[in-house]
N, C-alpha and C. Protein backbone atom coordinates (compact mmCIF):
# COMPACT_ATOMS: atom_id res chain seq x y z
N UNK A 1 0.82 -1.19 0.00
CA UNK A 1 0.00 0.00 0.00
C UNK A 1 0.86 1.26 0.00
N UNK A 2 1.97 1.23 0.76
CA UNK A 2 2.86 2.38 0.84
C UNK A 2 3.45 2.68 -0.54
N UNK A 3 3.74 1.63 -1.33
CA UNK A 3 4.29 1.81 -2.67
C UNK A 3 3.29 2.53 -3.56
N UNK A 4 2.02 2.15 -3.46
CA UNK A 4 0.99 2.83 -4.26
C UNK A 4 0.87 4.29 -3.85
N UNK A 5 0.93 4.57 -2.58
CA UNK A 5 0.85 5.94 -2.09
C UNK A 5 2.03 6.75 -2.62
N UNK A 6 3.22 6.15 -2.55
CA UNK A 6 4.41 6.84 -3.06
C UNK A 6 4.29 7.06 -4.56
N UNK A 7 3.83 6.02 -5.27
CA UNK A 7 3.65 6.11 -6.71
C UNK A 7 2.62 7.20 -7.05
N UNK A 8 1.53 7.20 -6.32
CA UNK A 8 0.49 8.22 -6.55
C UNK A 8 1.04 9.62 -6.26
N UNK A 9 1.86 9.73 -5.21
CA UNK A 9 2.46 11.01 -4.86
C UNK A 9 3.34 11.50 -6.01
N UNK A 10 4.21 10.64 -6.53
CA UNK A 10 5.10 11.04 -7.61
C UNK A 10 4.31 11.37 -8.88
N UNK A 11 3.26 10.60 -9.12
CA UNK A 11 2.44 10.86 -10.30
C UNK A 11 1.78 12.24 -10.19
N UNK A 12 1.20 12.53 -9.02
CA UNK A 12 0.58 13.85 -8.80
C UNK A 12 1.61 14.95 -8.89
N UNK A 13 2.80 14.70 -8.36
CA UNK A 13 3.87 15.70 -8.41
C UNK A 13 4.26 15.99 -9.85
N UNK A 14 4.36 14.94 -10.66
CA UNK A 14 4.72 15.12 -12.07
C UNK A 14 3.65 15.91 -12.81
N UNK A 15 2.38 15.61 -12.53
CA UNK A 15 1.28 16.34 -13.17
C UNK A 15 1.32 17.80 -12.75
N UNK A 16 1.52 18.05 -11.46
CA UNK A 16 1.58 19.43 -10.96
C UNK A 16 2.75 20.18 -11.58
N UNK A 17 3.91 19.53 -11.66
CA UNK A 17 5.09 20.17 -12.26
C UNK A 17 4.82 20.51 -13.72
N UNK A 18 4.20 19.59 -14.45
CA UNK A 18 3.86 19.85 -15.85
C UNK A 18 2.89 21.01 -15.99
N UNK A 19 1.90 21.07 -15.11
CA UNK A 19 0.93 22.16 -15.13
C UNK A 19 1.61 23.49 -14.86
N UNK A 20 2.50 23.53 -13.86
CA UNK A 20 3.21 24.76 -13.54
C UNK A 20 4.12 25.20 -14.68
N UNK A 21 4.78 24.25 -15.32
CA UNK A 21 5.63 24.59 -16.46
C UNK A 21 4.81 25.13 -17.63
N UNK A 22 3.66 24.53 -17.87
CA UNK A 22 2.79 25.01 -18.95
C UNK A 22 2.29 26.43 -18.64
N UNK A 23 1.93 26.68 -17.38
CA UNK A 23 1.47 28.01 -16.99
C UNK A 23 2.60 29.02 -17.12
N UNK A 24 3.81 28.65 -16.71
CA UNK A 24 4.96 29.55 -16.83
C UNK A 24 5.26 29.85 -18.30
N UNK A 25 5.14 28.83 -19.16
CA UNK A 25 5.37 29.03 -20.59
C UNK A 25 4.32 29.98 -21.17
N UNK A 26 3.07 29.79 -20.79
CA UNK A 26 2.00 30.67 -21.29
C UNK A 26 2.23 32.09 -20.81
N UNK A 27 2.63 32.27 -19.55
CA UNK A 27 2.89 33.60 -19.02
C UNK A 27 4.05 34.26 -19.75
N UNK A 28 5.08 33.48 -20.08
CA UNK A 28 6.24 34.02 -20.78
C UNK A 28 5.87 34.51 -22.17
N UNK A 29 4.79 33.96 -22.75
CA UNK A 29 4.40 34.35 -24.09
C UNK A 29 3.48 35.57 -24.12
N UNK A 30 3.09 36.08 -22.95
CA UNK A 30 2.27 37.29 -22.92
C UNK A 30 3.16 38.44 -23.37
N UNK A 31 2.73 39.19 -24.38
CA UNK A 31 3.59 40.24 -24.90
C UNK A 31 3.72 41.41 -23.94
N UNK A 32 4.79 42.14 -24.10
CA UNK A 32 4.95 43.40 -23.38
C UNK A 32 4.25 44.47 -24.22
N UNK A 33 3.37 45.21 -23.59
CA UNK A 33 2.64 46.24 -24.32
C UNK A 33 3.36 47.58 -24.31
N UNK A 34 4.44 47.66 -23.54
CA UNK A 34 5.22 48.89 -23.48
C UNK A 34 5.83 49.18 -24.85
N UNK A 35 5.81 50.40 -25.23
CA UNK A 35 6.43 50.79 -26.49
C UNK A 35 5.57 50.56 -27.72
N UNK A 36 4.30 50.21 -27.54
CA UNK A 36 3.42 50.03 -28.71
C UNK A 36 3.25 51.36 -29.43
N UNK A 37 3.23 51.30 -30.73
CA UNK A 37 3.01 52.50 -31.55
C UNK A 37 1.57 52.98 -31.38
N UNK A 38 1.37 54.28 -31.41
CA UNK A 38 0.02 54.82 -31.40
C UNK A 38 -0.01 56.02 -32.34
N UNK A 39 -1.20 56.44 -32.71
CA UNK A 39 -1.36 57.56 -33.63
C UNK A 39 -1.93 58.73 -32.84
N UNK A 40 -1.10 59.74 -32.53
CA UNK A 40 -1.59 60.87 -31.73
C UNK A 40 -2.53 61.80 -32.50
N UNK A 41 -2.37 61.86 -33.83
CA UNK A 41 -3.18 62.79 -34.62
C UNK A 41 -3.52 62.15 -35.96
N UNK A 42 -4.78 61.72 -36.10
CA UNK A 42 -5.18 61.04 -37.33
C UNK A 42 -5.16 61.96 -38.55
N UNK A 43 -5.22 63.27 -38.34
CA UNK A 43 -5.14 64.22 -39.46
C UNK A 43 -3.76 64.15 -40.13
N UNK A 44 -2.74 63.79 -39.35
CA UNK A 44 -1.37 63.75 -39.87
C UNK A 44 -0.86 62.33 -40.08
N UNK A 45 -1.72 61.35 -39.95
CA UNK A 45 -1.30 59.95 -40.05
C UNK A 45 -0.91 59.59 -41.48
N UNK A 46 0.21 58.88 -41.59
CA UNK A 46 0.66 58.38 -42.88
C UNK A 46 0.03 57.02 -43.17
N UNK A 47 0.36 56.45 -44.30
CA UNK A 47 -0.23 55.18 -44.71
C UNK A 47 0.18 54.05 -43.76
N UNK A 48 1.41 54.10 -43.22
CA UNK A 48 1.84 53.08 -42.27
C UNK A 48 0.92 53.06 -41.05
N UNK A 49 0.65 54.23 -40.49
CA UNK A 49 -0.25 54.32 -39.34
C UNK A 49 -1.67 53.91 -39.70
N UNK A 50 -2.14 54.33 -40.88
CA UNK A 50 -3.51 54.02 -41.30
C UNK A 50 -3.72 52.52 -41.50
N UNK A 51 -2.69 51.79 -41.85
CA UNK A 51 -2.83 50.35 -42.09
C UNK A 51 -2.60 49.50 -40.85
N UNK A 52 -1.97 50.06 -39.81
CA UNK A 52 -1.55 49.23 -38.68
C UNK A 52 -2.24 49.50 -37.35
N UNK A 53 -2.71 50.71 -37.13
CA UNK A 53 -3.29 51.02 -35.83
C UNK A 53 -4.66 50.40 -35.67
N UNK A 54 -4.93 49.78 -34.51
CA UNK A 54 -6.28 49.27 -34.26
C UNK A 54 -7.27 50.43 -34.23
N UNK A 55 -8.49 50.11 -34.53
CA UNK A 55 -9.57 51.10 -34.56
C UNK A 55 -10.71 50.51 -33.74
N UNK A 56 -11.00 51.14 -32.60
CA UNK A 56 -12.04 50.65 -31.71
C UNK A 56 -13.36 51.35 -32.05
N UNK A 57 -14.38 50.56 -32.34
CA UNK A 57 -15.72 51.09 -32.55
C UNK A 57 -16.58 50.59 -31.39
N UNK A 58 -17.03 51.54 -30.58
CA UNK A 58 -17.87 51.24 -29.42
C UNK A 58 -18.65 52.50 -29.08
N UNK A 59 -19.77 52.35 -28.39
CA UNK A 59 -20.51 53.54 -27.98
C UNK A 59 -19.67 54.40 -27.03
N UNK A 60 -19.93 55.70 -27.06
CA UNK A 60 -19.24 56.60 -26.13
C UNK A 60 -19.74 56.41 -24.71
N UNK A 61 -21.02 56.05 -24.57
CA UNK A 61 -21.57 55.79 -23.24
C UNK A 61 -22.55 54.63 -23.32
N UNK A 62 -22.62 53.89 -22.20
CA UNK A 62 -23.50 52.71 -22.10
C UNK A 62 -24.14 52.70 -20.73
N UNK A 63 -25.21 51.93 -20.59
CA UNK A 63 -25.84 51.74 -19.29
C UNK A 63 -25.07 50.69 -18.50
N UNK A 64 -24.95 50.89 -17.22
CA UNK A 64 -24.23 49.96 -16.35
C UNK A 64 -24.81 48.55 -16.48
N UNK A 65 -23.93 47.58 -16.68
CA UNK A 65 -24.33 46.18 -16.71
C UNK A 65 -25.03 45.71 -17.96
N UNK A 66 -25.25 46.60 -18.92
CA UNK A 66 -25.93 46.20 -20.16
C UNK A 66 -24.90 45.86 -21.24
N UNK A 67 -25.06 44.73 -21.91
CA UNK A 67 -24.11 44.34 -22.96
C UNK A 67 -24.13 45.31 -24.14
N UNK A 68 -22.96 45.51 -24.72
CA UNK A 68 -22.82 46.33 -25.92
C UNK A 68 -21.69 45.75 -26.76
N UNK A 69 -21.65 46.12 -28.02
CA UNK A 69 -20.64 45.56 -28.92
C UNK A 69 -19.44 46.48 -29.06
N UNK A 70 -18.27 45.84 -29.09
CA UNK A 70 -17.00 46.52 -29.35
C UNK A 70 -16.38 45.82 -30.54
N UNK A 71 -16.06 46.59 -31.56
CA UNK A 71 -15.37 46.03 -32.72
C UNK A 71 -13.97 46.62 -32.78
N UNK A 72 -12.99 45.75 -32.93
CA UNK A 72 -11.61 46.19 -33.13
C UNK A 72 -11.23 45.78 -34.54
N UNK A 73 -10.93 46.77 -35.33
CA UNK A 73 -10.51 46.54 -36.71
C UNK A 73 -9.11 47.09 -36.85
N UNK A 74 -8.24 46.38 -37.52
CA UNK A 74 -6.88 46.86 -37.71
C UNK A 74 -6.83 47.68 -38.98
N UNK A 75 -6.53 48.94 -38.80
CA UNK A 75 -6.33 49.85 -39.92
C UNK A 75 -7.59 50.52 -40.42
N UNK A 76 -7.44 51.77 -40.71
CA UNK A 76 -8.52 52.50 -41.39
C UNK A 76 -8.37 52.29 -42.89
N UNK A 77 -7.17 51.89 -43.30
CA UNK A 77 -6.91 51.41 -44.65
C UNK A 77 -6.64 49.92 -44.53
N UNK A 78 -6.97 49.16 -45.53
CA UNK A 78 -6.84 47.69 -45.49
C UNK A 78 -5.40 47.25 -45.28
N UNK A 79 -5.20 46.39 -44.28
CA UNK A 79 -3.87 45.82 -44.03
C UNK A 79 -3.78 44.48 -44.75
N UNK A 80 -2.64 44.20 -45.40
CA UNK A 80 -2.51 42.90 -46.08
C UNK A 80 -2.48 41.76 -45.08
N UNK A 81 -3.00 40.63 -45.48
CA UNK A 81 -2.93 39.40 -44.69
C UNK A 81 -2.31 38.34 -45.60
N UNK A 82 -0.99 38.38 -45.68
CA UNK A 82 -0.23 37.45 -46.51
C UNK A 82 0.82 36.77 -45.65
N UNK A 83 1.37 35.69 -46.13
CA UNK A 83 2.33 34.94 -45.31
C UNK A 83 3.52 35.79 -44.89
N UNK A 84 3.94 36.73 -45.72
CA UNK A 84 5.13 37.53 -45.39
C UNK A 84 4.81 38.86 -44.71
N UNK A 85 3.54 39.23 -44.61
CA UNK A 85 3.16 40.50 -43.98
C UNK A 85 1.71 40.39 -43.51
N UNK A 86 1.53 40.33 -42.18
CA UNK A 86 0.18 40.11 -41.67
C UNK A 86 0.07 40.54 -40.20
N UNK A 87 -1.17 40.71 -39.77
CA UNK A 87 -1.46 40.97 -38.37
C UNK A 87 -1.56 39.60 -37.69
N UNK A 88 -0.77 39.41 -36.63
CA UNK A 88 -0.71 38.12 -35.96
C UNK A 88 -1.80 37.95 -34.91
N UNK A 89 -2.14 39.03 -34.20
CA UNK A 89 -3.18 38.93 -33.17
C UNK A 89 -3.80 40.28 -32.87
N UNK A 90 -4.96 40.21 -32.24
CA UNK A 90 -5.65 41.37 -31.69
C UNK A 90 -5.94 41.06 -30.23
N UNK A 91 -5.61 41.98 -29.35
CA UNK A 91 -5.93 41.87 -27.92
C UNK A 91 -6.77 43.06 -27.53
N UNK A 92 -7.74 42.84 -26.65
CA UNK A 92 -8.55 43.92 -26.09
C UNK A 92 -8.42 43.84 -24.58
N UNK A 93 -7.96 44.94 -23.99
CA UNK A 93 -7.74 44.98 -22.54
C UNK A 93 -8.52 46.13 -21.91
N UNK A 94 -8.76 45.97 -20.62
CA UNK A 94 -9.33 47.03 -19.79
C UNK A 94 -8.41 47.09 -18.57
N UNK A 95 -7.53 48.09 -18.53
CA UNK A 95 -6.51 48.12 -17.49
C UNK A 95 -5.61 46.91 -17.65
N UNK A 96 -5.40 46.17 -16.57
CA UNK A 96 -4.57 44.95 -16.63
C UNK A 96 -5.37 43.72 -17.02
N UNK A 97 -6.68 43.87 -17.16
CA UNK A 97 -7.55 42.73 -17.45
C UNK A 97 -7.64 42.48 -18.95
N UNK A 98 -7.28 41.27 -19.37
CA UNK A 98 -7.41 40.87 -20.77
C UNK A 98 -8.87 40.50 -21.02
N UNK A 99 -9.56 41.26 -21.85
CA UNK A 99 -10.94 40.95 -22.19
C UNK A 99 -11.01 39.90 -23.30
N UNK A 100 -10.09 39.99 -24.25
CA UNK A 100 -10.08 39.03 -25.36
C UNK A 100 -8.71 39.01 -26.01
N UNK A 101 -8.34 37.85 -26.49
CA UNK A 101 -7.10 37.68 -27.23
C UNK A 101 -7.39 36.71 -28.37
N UNK A 102 -7.09 37.13 -29.57
CA UNK A 102 -7.35 36.27 -30.71
C UNK A 102 -6.14 36.24 -31.64
N UNK A 103 -5.76 35.05 -32.06
CA UNK A 103 -4.70 34.87 -33.05
C UNK A 103 -5.36 34.82 -34.42
N UNK A 104 -4.68 35.35 -35.41
CA UNK A 104 -5.26 35.45 -36.75
C UNK A 104 -4.44 34.66 -37.76
N UNK A 105 -5.11 33.88 -38.57
CA UNK A 105 -4.44 33.21 -39.68
C UNK A 105 -4.11 34.27 -40.72
N UNK A 106 -2.91 34.20 -41.29
CA UNK A 106 -2.47 35.25 -42.19
C UNK A 106 -3.25 35.31 -43.51
N UNK A 107 -3.88 34.24 -43.91
CA UNK A 107 -4.50 34.22 -45.23
C UNK A 107 -6.02 34.11 -45.17
N UNK A 108 -6.56 33.56 -44.09
CA UNK A 108 -7.98 33.23 -44.07
C UNK A 108 -8.84 34.16 -43.22
N UNK A 109 -8.22 35.05 -42.45
CA UNK A 109 -8.98 35.88 -41.51
C UNK A 109 -8.66 37.35 -41.70
N UNK A 110 -9.69 38.14 -41.79
CA UNK A 110 -9.53 39.60 -41.84
C UNK A 110 -9.19 40.08 -40.43
N UNK A 111 -8.28 41.04 -40.27
CA UNK A 111 -7.89 41.49 -38.93
C UNK A 111 -8.96 42.37 -38.27
N UNK A 112 -9.99 41.70 -37.78
CA UNK A 112 -11.13 42.38 -37.16
C UNK A 112 -11.80 41.42 -36.18
N UNK A 113 -12.27 41.95 -35.06
CA UNK A 113 -12.98 41.12 -34.08
C UNK A 113 -14.09 41.95 -33.45
N UNK A 114 -15.27 41.34 -33.27
CA UNK A 114 -16.40 41.99 -32.60
C UNK A 114 -16.72 41.19 -31.34
N UNK A 115 -16.83 41.89 -30.23
CA UNK A 115 -17.07 41.27 -28.93
C UNK A 115 -18.26 41.93 -28.27
N UNK A 116 -18.92 41.18 -27.42
CA UNK A 116 -19.99 41.74 -26.59
C UNK A 116 -19.42 41.90 -25.19
N UNK A 117 -19.49 43.12 -24.68
CA UNK A 117 -18.87 43.48 -23.41
C UNK A 117 -19.92 44.14 -22.53
N UNK A 118 -19.76 44.04 -21.22
CA UNK A 118 -20.59 44.82 -20.32
C UNK A 118 -19.70 45.40 -19.24
N UNK A 119 -20.00 46.62 -18.85
CA UNK A 119 -19.20 47.34 -17.87
C UNK A 119 -20.09 47.82 -16.72
N UNK A 120 -19.52 47.88 -15.54
CA UNK A 120 -20.23 48.42 -14.38
C UNK A 120 -19.78 49.84 -14.05
N UNK A 121 -18.64 50.23 -14.60
CA UNK A 121 -18.14 51.57 -14.38
C UNK A 121 -17.37 52.04 -15.60
N UNK A 122 -17.21 53.36 -15.71
CA UNK A 122 -16.48 53.93 -16.83
C UNK A 122 -15.10 53.30 -16.93
N UNK A 123 -14.69 52.97 -18.15
CA UNK A 123 -13.42 52.28 -18.34
C UNK A 123 -12.76 52.70 -19.64
N UNK A 124 -11.44 52.57 -19.65
CA UNK A 124 -10.67 52.78 -20.86
C UNK A 124 -10.38 51.42 -21.48
N UNK A 125 -10.82 51.23 -22.71
CA UNK A 125 -10.51 50.01 -23.45
C UNK A 125 -9.24 50.26 -24.25
N UNK A 126 -8.38 49.27 -24.31
CA UNK A 126 -7.15 49.38 -25.08
C UNK A 126 -7.07 48.20 -26.03
N UNK A 127 -6.94 48.49 -27.31
CA UNK A 127 -6.79 47.45 -28.33
C UNK A 127 -5.33 47.42 -28.76
N UNK A 128 -4.83 46.21 -28.97
CA UNK A 128 -3.46 46.01 -29.43
C UNK A 128 -3.50 45.09 -30.65
N UNK A 129 -2.69 45.41 -31.64
CA UNK A 129 -2.55 44.57 -32.83
C UNK A 129 -1.07 44.47 -33.17
N UNK A 130 -0.64 43.26 -33.51
CA UNK A 130 0.77 43.04 -33.78
C UNK A 130 0.98 42.64 -35.23
N UNK A 131 1.74 43.45 -35.95
CA UNK A 131 2.12 43.16 -37.34
C UNK A 131 3.48 42.46 -37.31
N UNK A 132 3.60 41.39 -38.06
CA UNK A 132 4.86 40.64 -38.05
C UNK A 132 6.03 41.46 -38.58
N UNK A 133 5.79 42.52 -39.34
CA UNK A 133 6.87 43.35 -39.86
C UNK A 133 7.01 44.69 -39.14
N UNK A 134 5.91 45.28 -38.72
CA UNK A 134 5.93 46.65 -38.21
C UNK A 134 5.61 46.78 -36.73
N UNK A 135 5.53 45.66 -36.03
CA UNK A 135 5.43 45.68 -34.59
C UNK A 135 4.04 45.89 -34.02
N UNK A 136 4.03 46.25 -32.74
CA UNK A 136 2.81 46.36 -31.95
C UNK A 136 2.22 47.76 -32.04
N UNK A 137 0.89 47.82 -32.22
CA UNK A 137 0.17 49.08 -32.35
C UNK A 137 -0.99 49.09 -31.35
N UNK A 138 -1.37 50.28 -30.91
CA UNK A 138 -2.45 50.37 -29.93
C UNK A 138 -3.36 51.58 -30.19
N UNK A 139 -4.57 51.44 -29.73
CA UNK A 139 -5.51 52.57 -29.66
C UNK A 139 -6.33 52.38 -28.39
N UNK A 140 -6.76 53.49 -27.82
CA UNK A 140 -7.54 53.47 -26.58
C UNK A 140 -8.83 54.26 -26.77
N UNK A 141 -9.86 53.83 -26.05
CA UNK A 141 -11.15 54.52 -26.08
C UNK A 141 -11.79 54.42 -24.71
N UNK A 142 -12.25 55.55 -24.21
CA UNK A 142 -12.97 55.56 -22.93
C UNK A 142 -14.45 55.37 -23.22
N UNK A 143 -15.05 54.42 -22.50
CA UNK A 143 -16.49 54.19 -22.59
C UNK A 143 -17.08 54.61 -21.24
N UNK A 144 -17.93 55.62 -21.29
CA UNK A 144 -18.55 56.13 -20.06
C UNK A 144 -19.75 55.26 -19.70
N UNK A 145 -19.85 54.91 -18.43
CA UNK A 145 -20.97 54.12 -17.94
C UNK A 145 -21.90 55.03 -17.16
N UNK A 146 -23.16 54.99 -17.54
CA UNK A 146 -24.16 55.76 -16.81
C UNK A 146 -25.00 54.78 -16.01
N UNK A 147 -25.33 55.16 -14.82
CA UNK A 147 -26.15 54.31 -13.97
C UNK A 147 -27.59 54.41 -14.44
N UNK A 148 -28.20 53.25 -14.63
CA UNK A 148 -29.60 53.23 -15.04
C UNK A 148 -30.45 53.81 -13.91
N UNK A 149 -31.42 54.62 -14.28
CA UNK A 149 -32.31 55.18 -13.26
C UNK A 149 -33.21 54.09 -12.73
N UNK A 150 -33.50 54.17 -11.44
CA UNK A 150 -34.36 53.15 -10.84
C UNK A 150 -35.81 53.37 -11.25
N UNK A 151 -36.53 52.28 -11.34
CA UNK A 151 -37.96 52.35 -11.69
C UNK A 151 -38.75 52.64 -10.42
N UNK A 152 -39.99 53.09 -10.55
CA UNK A 152 -40.79 53.37 -9.34
C UNK A 152 -40.91 52.16 -8.43
N UNK A 153 -40.95 50.96 -8.98
CA UNK A 153 -41.09 49.73 -8.16
C UNK A 153 -39.82 49.49 -7.33
N UNK A 154 -38.66 49.97 -7.82
CA UNK A 154 -37.40 49.77 -7.11
C UNK A 154 -37.15 50.81 -6.03
N UNK A 155 -37.91 51.89 -6.03
CA UNK A 155 -37.66 52.98 -5.08
C UNK A 155 -38.24 52.70 -3.73
């Protein structure tokens, strides 16, 4: 019986070690968002900026707790999706919280994602897109949350 207990212990230890290594590997692959390119003035943006910067489409204000759609599209001008030049992923964050992360096939997927989100308080959404040739790009948008007025039955 002691042998089975020892065997079970080592088996559980090996599984735990593998899980921890997998988690460490996944954490190591989280990109650094520092130094991402952004476009401070769209009036002066060149074609490089127009093709690479994420573009967040979302309402300026929403009701607290009510779902709404957020679309992140890469580029106001079409970005190529070819094997040698493509957007690899789109991430949508709120502060340190990752709301969504999607990897994109270079040939079969347009660099765009639509998500349904709900917020309880005003938040800044940050979209990130990574081009295999031109690096990481970001755009931010503040979505204001308004508290729904209470109904007479709730008062």
